[in-house]
C-alpha atoms as a PDB file:
ATOM      1  CA  UNK A   1      -2.548  17.007  -6.374  1.00  0.00           C
ATOM      2  CA  UNK A   2      -4.415  14.805  -8.811  1.00  0.00           C
ATOM      3  CA  UNK A   3      -5.042  16.780 -11.975  1.00  0.00           C
ATOM      4  CA  UNK A   4      -8.045  16.189 -14.189  1.00  0.00           C
ATOM      5  CA  UNK A   5     -10.011  18.224 -16.717  1.00  0.00           C
ATOM      6  CA  UNK A   6     -12.474  20.661 -15.065  1.00  0.00           C
ATOM      7  CA  UNK A   7     -16.142  20.671 -16.008  1.00  0.00           C
ATOM      8  CA  UNK A   8     -18.731  23.430 -16.219  1.00  0.00           C
ATOM      9  CA  UNK A   9     -21.319  21.090 -14.660  1.00  0.00           C
ATOM     10  CA  UNK A  10     -19.979  21.578 -11.147  1.00  0.00           C
ATOM     11  CA  UNK A  11     -22.295  23.436  -8.807  1.00  0.00           C
ATOM     12  CA  UNK A  12     -19.291  25.143  -7.235  1.00  0.00           C
ATOM     13  CA  UNK A  13     -17.200  27.956  -8.740  1.00  0.00           C
ATOM     14  CA  UNK A  14     -14.220  26.772 -10.728  1.00  0.00           C
ATOM     15  CA  UNK A  15     -11.839  28.258  -8.158  1.00  0.00           C
ATOM     16  CA  UNK A  16     -13.401  26.312  -5.272  1.00  0.00           C
ATOM     17  CA  UNK A  17     -11.159  23.493  -4.123  1.00  0.00           C
ATOM     18  CA  UNK A  18     -12.585  19.967  -4.173  1.00  0.00           C
ATOM     19  CA  UNK A  19     -11.370  17.538  -1.544  1.00  0.00           C
ATOM     20  CA  UNK A  20     -11.828  13.815  -1.162  1.00  0.00           C
ATOM     21  CA  UNK A  21     -11.317  13.078   2.519  1.00  0.00           C
ATOM     22  CA  UNK A  22     -10.811   9.803   4.319  1.00  0.00           C
ATOM     23  CA  UNK A  23      -9.841   8.873   7.856  1.00  0.00           C
ATOM     24  CA  UNK A  24      -7.635   6.090   9.238  1.00  0.00           C
ATOM     25  CA  UNK A  25      -6.881   5.332  12.855  1.00  0.00           C
ATOM     26  CA  UNK A  26      -5.839   2.314  14.871  1.00  0.00           C
ATOM     27  CA  UNK A  27      -4.558  -0.920  13.351  1.00  0.00           C
ATOM     28  CA  UNK A  28      -7.641  -2.459  11.697  1.00  0.00           C
ATOM     29  CA  UNK A  29      -6.829  -0.941   8.303  1.00  0.00           C
ATOM     30  CA  UNK A  30      -3.360  -0.366   6.903  1.00  0.00           C
ATOM     31  CA  UNK A  31      -2.008   2.302   4.572  1.00  0.00           C
ATOM     32  CA  UNK A  32      -2.871   0.100   1.577  1.00  0.00           C
ATOM     33  CA  UNK A  33      -6.558   0.870   2.115  1.00  0.00           C
ATOM     34  CA  UNK A  34      -5.895   4.602   1.775  1.00  0.00           C
ATOM     35  CA  UNK A  35      -3.713   4.037  -1.277  1.00  0.00           C
ATOM     36  CA  UNK A  36      -6.315   1.846  -2.979  1.00  0.00           C
ATOM     37  CA  UNK A  37      -8.957   4.466  -2.275  1.00  0.00           C
ATOM     38  CA  UNK A  38      -6.771   7.171  -3.801  1.00  0.00           C
ATOM     39  CA  UNK A  39      -6.221   5.093  -6.958  1.00  0.00           C
ATOM     40  CA  UNK A  40      -9.940   4.283  -7.248  1.00  0.00           C
ATOM     41  CA  UNK A  41     -10.850   7.964  -6.927  1.00  0.00           C
ATOM     42  CA  UNK A  42      -8.193   8.933  -9.468  1.00  0.00           C
ATOM     43  CA  UNK A  43      -9.619   6.475 -11.992  1.00  0.00           C
ATOM     44  CA  UNK A  44     -13.266   7.374 -11.445  1.00  0.00           C
ATOM     45  CA  UNK A  45     -13.249  11.154 -10.828  1.00  0.00           C
ATOM     46  CA  UNK A  46     -12.550  13.436 -13.805  1.00  0.00           C
ATOM     47  CA  UNK A  47     -12.707  16.686 -11.778  1.00  0.00           C
ATOM     48  CA  UNK A  48      -9.729  18.357 -10.100  1.00  0.00           C
ATOM     49  CA  UNK A  49      -9.367  17.191  -6.504  1.00  0.00           C
ATOM     50  CA  UNK A  50      -6.984  16.934  -3.587  1.00  0.00           C
ATOM     51  CA  UNK A  51      -6.969  13.709  -1.574  1.00  0.00           C
ATOM     52  CA  UNK A  52      -6.698  14.191   2.194  1.00  0.00           C
ATOM     53  CA  UNK A  53      -6.303  11.602   4.935  1.00  0.00           C
ATOM     54  CA  UNK A  54      -6.842  12.419   8.606  1.00  0.00           C
ATOM     55  CA  UNK A  55      -4.809   9.818  10.436  1.00  0.00           C
ATOM     56  CA  UNK A  56      -2.803   8.870  13.515  1.00  0.00           C
ATOM     57  CA  UNK A  57      -0.178   7.166  11.325  1.00  0.00           C
ATOM     58  CA  UNK A  58       0.737   8.420   7.852  1.00  0.00           C
ATOM     59  CA  UNK A  59       3.516   5.880   7.228  1.00  0.00           C
ATOM     60  CA  UNK A  60       3.162   4.069   3.910  1.00  0.00           C
ATOM     61  CA  UNK A  61       0.485   6.399   2.538  1.00  0.00           C
ATOM     62  CA  UNK A  62       0.920   7.524  -1.090  1.00  0.00           C
ATOM     63  CA  UNK A  63       2.782  10.835  -1.412  1.00  0.00           C
ATOM     64  CA  UNK A  64      -0.095  12.289  -3.444  1.00  0.00           C
ATOM     65  CA  UNK A  65      -2.360  12.049  -0.386  1.00  0.00           C
ATOM     66  CA  UNK A  66      -2.101  15.028   1.941  1.00  0.00           C
ATOM     67  CA  UNK A  67      -2.036  13.754   5.534  1.00  0.00           C
ATOM     68  CA  UNK A  68      -3.039  15.612   8.701  1.00  0.00           C
ATOM     69  CA  UNK A  69      -3.446  14.423  12.298  1.00  0.00           C
ATOM     70  CA  UNK A  70      -6.982  13.605  13.384  1.00  0.00           C
ATOM     71  CA  UNK A  71      -8.112  16.612  15.464  1.00  0.00           C
ATOM     72  CA  UNK A  72      -8.502  15.988  19.171  1.00  0.00           C
ATOM     73  CA  UNK A  73     -11.993  15.791  20.650  1.00  0.00           C
ATOM     74  CA  UNK A  74     -12.935  16.926  24.147  1.00  0.00           C
ATOM     75  CA  UNK A  75     -14.666  13.703  25.215  1.00  0.00           C
ATOM     76  CA  UNK A  76     -14.499  11.471  28.298  1.00  0.00           C
ATOM     77  CA  UNK A  77     -13.003   8.011  27.926  1.00  0.00           C
ATOM     78  CA  UNK A  78     -15.242   5.403  26.340  1.00  0.00           C
ATOM     79  CA  UNK A  79     -15.778   3.252  23.256  1.00  0.00           C
ATOM     80  CA  UNK A  80     -15.093   4.868  19.877  1.00  0.00           C
ATOM     81  CA  UNK A  81     -18.200   4.657  17.704  1.00  0.00           C
ATOM     82  CA  UNK A  82     -17.026   6.669  14.749  1.00  0.00           C
ATOM     83  CA  UNK A  83     -17.129   9.899  16.763  1.00  0.00           C
ATOM     84  CA  UNK A  84     -13.835  10.979  15.171  1.00  0.00           C
ATOM     85  CA  UNK A  85     -15.593  11.515  11.824  1.00  0.00           C
ATOM     86  CA  UNK A  86     -17.362  14.532  13.321  1.00  0.00           C
ATOM     87  CA  UNK A  87     -14.044  16.414  13.408  1.00  0.00           C
ATOM     88  CA  UNK A  88     -14.404  16.904   9.645  1.00  0.00           C
ATOM     89  CA  UNK A  89     -16.990  19.545  10.595  1.00  0.00           C
ATOM     90  CA  UNK A  90     -14.581  21.734  12.563  1.00  0.00           C
ATOM     91  CA  UNK A  91     -15.206  25.369  11.491  1.00  0.00           C
ATOM     92  CA  UNK A  92     -11.477  25.583  10.723  1.00  0.00           C
ATOM     93  CA  UNK A  93      -9.872  22.317   9.701  1.00  0.00           C
ATOM     94  CA  UNK A  94      -6.238  23.075   8.991  1.00  0.00           C
ATOM     95  CA  UNK A  95      -6.091  25.130   5.769  1.00  0.00           C
ATOM     96  CA  UNK A  96      -8.852  23.226   3.973  1.00  0.00           C
ATOM     97  CA  UNK A  97     -11.571  25.359   2.388  1.00  0.00           C
ATOM     98  CA  UNK A  98     -14.037  24.284  -0.288  1.00  0.00           C
ATOM     99  CA  UNK A  99     -16.315  21.327  -0.854  1.00  0.00           C
ATOM    100  CA  UNK A 100     -15.423  17.893   0.469  1.00  0.00           C
ATOM    101  CA  UNK A 101     -16.553  14.363  -0.242  1.00  0.00           C
ATOM    102  CA  UNK A 102     -15.872  12.046   2.679  1.00  0.00           C
ATOM    103  CA  UNK A 103     -15.292   8.387   1.819  1.00  0.00           C
ATOM    104  CA  UNK A 104     -14.721   5.451   4.150  1.00  0.00           C
ATOM    105  CA  UNK A 105     -11.480   3.666   3.316  1.00  0.00           C
ATOM    106  CA  UNK A 106     -13.115   0.238   2.941  1.00  0.00           C
ATOM    107  CA  UNK A 107     -15.504   1.166   0.110  1.00  0.00           C
ATOM    108  CA  UNK A 108     -15.127  -0.018  -3.488  1.00  0.00           C
ATOM    109  CA  UNK A 109     -15.695   2.471  -6.315  1.00  0.00           C
ATOM    110  CA  UNK A 110     -17.132   0.820  -9.422  1.00  0.00           C
ATOM    111  CA  UNK A 111     -18.076   3.717 -11.733  1.00  0.00           C
ATOM    112  CA  UNK A 112     -17.571   7.434 -12.383  1.00  0.00           C
ATOM    113  CA  UNK A 113     -18.221   9.543  -9.270  1.00  0.00           C
ATOM    114  CA  UNK A 114     -18.309  13.063 -10.745  1.00  0.00           C
ATOM    115  CA  UNK A 115     -22.005  13.200  -9.800  1.00  0.00           C
ATOM    116  CA  UNK A 116     -21.138  13.272  -6.106  1.00  0.00           C
ATOM    117  CA  UNK A 117     -19.674  16.729  -6.691  1.00  0.00           C
ATOM    118  CA  UNK A 118     -21.991  17.972  -9.434  1.00  0.00           C
ATOM    119  CA  UNK A 119     -25.190  16.957  -7.613  1.00  0.00           C
ATOM    120  CA  UNK A 120     -27.370  20.057  -7.154  1.00  0.00           C
ATOM    121  CA  UNK A 121     -28.211  20.345  -3.464  1.00  0.00           C
ATOM    122  CA  UNK A 122     -31.360  22.280  -2.596  1.00  0.00           C
ATOM    123  CA  UNK A 123     -29.627  24.353   0.102  1.00  0.00           C
ATOM    124  CA  UNK A 124     -26.118  25.794   0.468  1.00  0.00           C
ATOM    125  CA  UNK A 125     -25.768  24.247   3.938  1.00  0.00           C
ATOM    126  CA  UNK A 126     -26.995  20.788   2.947  1.00  0.00           C
ATOM    127  CA  UNK A 127     -24.982  17.713   3.763  1.00  0.00           C
ATOM    128  CA  UNK A 128     -25.701  14.970   1.218  1.00  0.00           C
ATOM    129  CA  UNK A 129     -25.435  11.448   2.585  1.00  0.00           C
ATOM    130  CA  UNK A 130     -26.491   7.829   1.987  1.00  0.00           C
ATOM    131  CA  UNK A 131     -29.965   6.999   3.237  1.00  0.00           C
ATOM    132  CA  UNK A 132     -29.869   3.954   5.513  1.00  0.00           C
ATOM    133  CA  UNK A 133     -30.798   0.767   3.628  1.00  0.00           C
ATOM    134  CA  UNK A 134     -32.183  -1.365   6.460  1.00  0.00           C
ATOM    135  CA  UNK A 135     -34.577   1.138   8.054  1.00  0.00           C
ATOM    136  CA  UNK A 136     -34.994   4.070   5.630  1.00  0.00           C
ATOM    137  CA  UNK A 137     -37.999   5.425   7.533  1.00  0.00           C
ATOM    138  CA  UNK A 138     -35.633   6.427  10.367  1.00  0.00           C
ATOM    139  CA  UNK A 139     -34.106   9.063   8.045  1.00  0.00           C
ATOM    140  CA  UNK A 140     -30.636   8.251   9.382  1.00  0.00           C
ATOM    141  CA  UNK A 141     -27.784   8.725   6.956  1.00  0.00           C
ATOM    142  CA  UNK A 142     -24.967   6.238   6.477  1.00  0.00           C
ATOM    143  CA  UNK A 143     -21.768   8.258   6.736  1.00  0.00           C
ATOM    144  CA  UNK A 144     -19.647   6.069   4.454  1.00  0.00           C
ATOM    145  CA  UNK A 145     -20.150   8.719   1.744  1.00  0.00           C
ATOM    146  CA  UNK A 146     -21.151  12.315   2.496  1.00  0.00           C
ATOM    147  CA  UNK A 147     -20.533  15.739   0.939  1.00  0.00           C
ATOM    148  CA  UNK A 148     -20.270  18.979   2.880  1.00  0.00           C
ATOM    149  CA  UNK A 149     -18.665  22.420   2.964  1.00  0.00           C
ATOM    150  CA  UNK A 150     -15.292  22.248   4.663  1.00  0.00           C
ATOM    151  CA  UNK A 151     -13.536  25.019   6.586  1.00  0.00           C
ATOM    152  CA  UNK A 152     -16.207  27.568   5.641  1.00  0.00           C
ATOM    153  CA  UNK A 153     -17.956  27.908   9.042  1.00  0.00           C
ATOM    154  CA  UNK A 154     -21.158  26.503   7.542  1.00  0.00           C
ATOM    155  CA  UNK A 155     -21.852  24.271  10.564  1.00  0.00           C
ATOM    156  CA  UNK A 156     -20.229  26.272  13.401  1.00  0.00           C
ATOM    157  CA  UNK A 157     -21.821  24.453  16.340  1.00  0.00           C
ATOM    158  CA  UNK A 158     -22.143  20.885  15.066  1.00  0.00           C
ATOM    159  CA  UNK A 159     -18.979  19.627  16.748  1.00  0.00           C
ATOM    160  CA  UNK A 160     -19.058  21.887  19.813  1.00  0.00           C
ATOM    161  CA  UNK A 161     -22.648  20.871  20.596  1.00  0.00           C
ATOM    162  CA  UNK A 162     -21.599  17.224  20.411  1.00  0.00           C
ATOM    163  CA  UNK A 163     -18.660  17.711  22.763  1.00  0.00           C
ATOM    164  CA  UNK A 164     -20.604  19.826  25.268  1.00  0.00           C
ATOM    165  CA  UNK A 165     -23.565  17.436  25.398  1.00  0.00           C
ATOM    166  CA  UNK A 166     -21.770  14.145  24.795  1.00  0.00           C
ATOM    167  CA  UNK A 167     -22.832  12.542  28.096  1.00  0.00           C
ATOM    168  CA  UNK A 168     -26.479  12.861  27.066  1.00  0.00           C
ATOM    169  CA  UNK A 169     -26.011  12.291  23.330  1.00  0.00           C
ATOM    170  CA  UNK A 170     -24.232   8.953  23.721  1.00  0.00           C
ATOM    171  CA  UNK A 171     -27.263   7.591  25.601  1.00  0.00           C
ATOM    172  CA  UNK A 172     -29.510   8.626  22.701  1.00  0.00           C
ATOM    173  CA  UNK A 173     -27.535   7.444  19.647  1.00  0.00           C
ATOM    174  CA  UNK A 174     -25.283   4.469  18.942  1.00  0.00           C
ATOM    175  CA  UNK A 175     -22.909   6.084  16.456  1.00  0.00           C
ATOM    176  CA  UNK A 176     -21.837   9.375  14.929  1.00  0.00           C
ATOM    177  CA  UNK A 177     -24.038   9.106  11.832  1.00  0.00           C
ATOM    178  CA  UNK A 178     -27.200   9.138  13.954  1.00  0.00           C
ATOM    179  CA  UNK A 179     -26.077  12.289  15.774  1.00  0.00           C
ATOM    180  CA  UNK A 180     -25.010  13.884  12.500  1.00  0.00           C
ATOM    181  CA  UNK A 181     -28.333  13.128  10.816  1.00  0.00           C
ATOM    182  CA  UNK A 182     -30.416  14.332  13.750  1.00  0.00           C
ATOM    183  CA  UNK A 183     -28.416  17.544  14.167  1.00  0.00           C
ATOM    184  CA  UNK A 184     -28.505  18.434  10.482  1.00  0.00           C
ATOM    185  CA  UNK A 185     -32.250  17.856  10.189  1.00  0.00           C
ATOM    186  CA  UNK A 186     -32.794  20.183  13.142  1.00  0.00           C
ATOM    187  CA  UNK A 187     -30.256  22.928  12.390  1.00  0.00           C
ATOM    188  CA  UNK A 188     -29.357  22.700   8.697  1.00  0.00           C
ATOM    189  CA  UNK A 189     -30.435  20.454   5.824  1.00  0.00           C
ATOM    190  CA  UNK A 190     -29.907  16.779   5.163  1.00  0.00           C
ATOM    191  CA  UNK A 191     -30.260  15.370   1.657  1.00  0.00           C
ATOM    192  CA  UNK A 192     -29.745  11.870   0.317  1.00  0.00           C
ATOM    193  CA  UNK A 193     -27.917  10.486  -2.688  1.00  0.00           C
ATOM    194  CA  UNK A 194     -29.772   8.732  -5.473  1.00  0.00           C
ATOM    195  CA  UNK A 195     -30.473   5.311  -3.937  1.00  0.00           C
ATOM    196  CA  UNK A 196     -28.830   3.492  -6.857  1.00  0.00           C
ATOM    197  CA  UNK A 197     -25.443   5.213  -6.437  1.00  0.00           C
ATOM    198  CA  UNK A 198     -24.264   3.757  -3.123  1.00  0.00           C
ATOM    199  CA  UNK A 199     -25.174   0.127  -2.488  1.00  0.00           C
ATOM    200  CA  UNK A 200     -24.674  -2.090   0.520  1.00  0.00           C
ATOM    201  CA  UNK A 201     -22.700  -5.265  -0.152  1.00  0.00           C
ATOM    202  CA  UNK A 202     -24.562  -6.951   2.702  1.00  0.00           C
ATOM    203  CA  UNK A 203     -28.087  -5.973   1.686  1.00  0.00           C
ATOM    204  CA  UNK A 204     -27.938  -5.423  -2.079  1.00  0.00           C
ATOM    205  CA  UNK A 205     -25.066  -7.455  -3.529  1.00  0.00           C
ATOM    206  CA  UNK A 206     -25.269 -10.546  -1.351  1.00  0.00           C
ATOM    207  CA  UNK A 207     -28.242 -12.829  -2.164  1.00  0.00           C
ATOM    208  CA  UNK A 208     -30.621 -13.429   0.764  1.00  0.00           C
ATOM    209  CA  UNK A 209     -30.278 -16.583   2.848  1.00  0.00           C
ATOM    210  CA  UNK A 210     -30.319 -19.403   1.755  1.00  0.00           C
ATOM    211  CA  UNK A 211     -29.559 -18.303  -1.836  1.00  0.00           C
ATOM    212  CA  UNK A 212     -26.228 -16.869  -0.684  1.00  0.00           C
ATOM    213  CA  UNK A 213     -24.959 -20.467  -0.250  1.00  0.00           C
ATOM    214  CA  UNK A 214     -25.344 -21.188  -3.972  1.00  0.00           C
ATOM    215  CA  UNK A 215     -25.318 -17.793  -5.701  1.00  0.00           C
ATOM    216  CA  UNK A 216     -22.415 -15.346  -5.843  1.00  0.00           C
ATOM    217  CA  UNK A 217     -22.912 -11.661  -4.975  1.00  0.00           C
ATOM    218  CA  UNK A 218     -23.652  -9.370  -7.920  1.00  0.00           C
ATOM    219  CA  UNK A 219     -23.190  -5.665  -8.566  1.00  0.00           C
ATOM    220  CA  UNK A 220     -26.585  -3.924  -8.893  1.00  0.00           C
ATOM    221  CA  UNK A 221     -27.190  -1.888 -12.053  1.00  0.00           C
ATOM    222  CA  UNK A 222     -26.243   1.763 -11.706  1.00  0.00           C
ATOM    223  CA  UNK A 223     -24.098   1.267  -8.607  1.00  0.00           C
ATOM    224  CA  UNK A 224     -21.128   3.623  -8.314  1.00  0.00           C
ATOM    225  CA  UNK A 225     -19.865   2.762  -4.830  1.00  0.00           C
ATOM    226  CA  UNK A 226     -20.180  -0.461  -2.836  1.00  0.00           C
ATOM    227  CA  UNK A 227     -20.326   0.025   0.937  1.00  0.00           C
ATOM    228  CA  UNK A 228     -18.998  -2.585   3.359  1.00  0.00           C
ATOM    229  CA  UNK A 229     -20.391  -2.595   6.878  1.00  0.00           C
ATOM    230  CA  UNK A 230     -20.554  -5.344   9.459  1.00  0.00           C
ATOM    231  CA  UNK A 231     -18.173  -8.304   9.414  1.00  0.00           C
ATOM    232  CA  UNK A 232     -17.357  -8.426   5.687  1.00  0.00           C
ATOM    233  CA  UNK A 233     -14.732  -6.181   4.072  1.00  0.00           C
ATOM    234  CA  UNK A 234     -13.465  -6.142   0.448  1.00  0.00           C
ATOM    235  CA  UNK A 235     -10.788  -8.878   0.817  1.00  0.00           C
ATOM    236  CA  UNK A 236     -13.354 -11.194   2.458  1.00  0.00           C
ATOM    237  CA  UNK A 237     -15.856 -10.505  -0.310  1.00  0.00           C
ATOM    238  CA  UNK A 238     -13.331 -11.172  -3.067  1.00  0.00           C
ATOM    239  CA  UNK A 239     -12.136 -14.467  -1.596  1.00  0.00           C
ATOM    240  CA  UNK A 240     -15.479 -15.559  -0.133  1.00  0.00           C
ATOM    241  CA  UNK A 241     -16.352 -16.714   3.364  1.00  0.00           C
ATOM    242  CA  UNK A 242     -16.295 -14.688   6.563  1.00  0.00           C
ATOM    243  CA  UNK A 243     -19.095 -13.156   8.589  1.00  0.00           C
ATOM    244  CA  UNK A 244     -21.925 -14.910  10.399  1.00  0.00           C
ATOM    245  CA  UNK A 245     -22.730 -18.430   9.152  1.00  0.00           C
ATOM    246  CA  UNK A 246     -26.084 -17.393   7.697  1.00  0.00           C
ATOM    247  CA  UNK A 247     -24.373 -14.640   5.702  1.00  0.00           C
ATOM    248  CA  UNK A 248     -22.001 -17.025   3.960  1.00  0.00           C
ATOM    249  CA  UNK A 249     -20.304 -15.241   1.060  1.00  0.00           C
ATOM    250  CA  UNK A 250     -19.330 -16.967  -2.162  1.00  0.00           C
ATOM    251  CA  UNK A 251     -16.287 -15.423  -3.925  1.00  0.00           C
ATOM    252  CA  UNK A 252     -16.834 -12.133  -5.743  1.00  0.00           C
ATOM    253  CA  UNK A 253     -13.860 -11.932  -8.142  1.00  0.00           C
ATOM    254  CA  UNK A 254     -15.508  -9.040 -10.025  1.00  0.00           C
ATOM    255  CA  UNK A 255     -14.683  -6.798  -7.058  1.00  0.00           C
ATOM    256  CA  UNK A 256     -10.963  -7.314  -7.562  1.00  0.00           C
ATOM    257  CA  UNK A 257     -10.867  -5.348 -10.814  1.00  0.00           C
ATOM    258  CA  UNK A 258     -12.216  -2.298  -8.978  1.00  0.00           C
ATOM    259  CA  UNK A 259     -10.467  -2.619  -5.616  1.00  0.00           C
ATOM    260  CA  UNK A 260      -6.922  -1.772  -6.650  1.00  0.00           C
END
């Protein structure tokens, strides 16, 4: 348990547990990504929290991170498109009960993130998520950072509906965040973070082509979390290079001070 000073600004009762949850499966990312995420959260969150990792391999993960197996899903064989993230919405997820902030393990935290817990949602059943940067009019959330009620039966049918109707759903959406956004808008409430809090490295830090060949990426003012999606991940961004030729990345050494 990471211990920090509580605050009266939280929208949740002081005895409600706060969780920061991440997920790791396969071999693309090692335990060091989980450990870096834990250290970044510890430095930038002043509220009490418990770090949780849902994973198929807990070896090498920091002892302060509570690890659980990723729950099984009743799905036919096929490509994994982030579907596993939806298991965080199981009505009973182990013994976890409270409010949870889900974070992808390849993000970089650059500033205090208390606001992701203290943000006043309009509805008790709201899930607060990043609004997509590329096509915001689609109202699809990016699930790199989302907050929800965990283990409190707030969204009892979200996962079961997905499993029961998966054959149809996978022809309608390309990834779990599209299903999640659509379901929440229809059955619960979907809210979005302040657009300055979570920024895309690809769209907001990296200069547009051809400026990216001569200008280094910069951190936008007010950014608290940098999201990496596509071909570039934090090590690539720090060292430079990688990705498609027209998205050439010059080194971003400023990321290194945060990503540790």
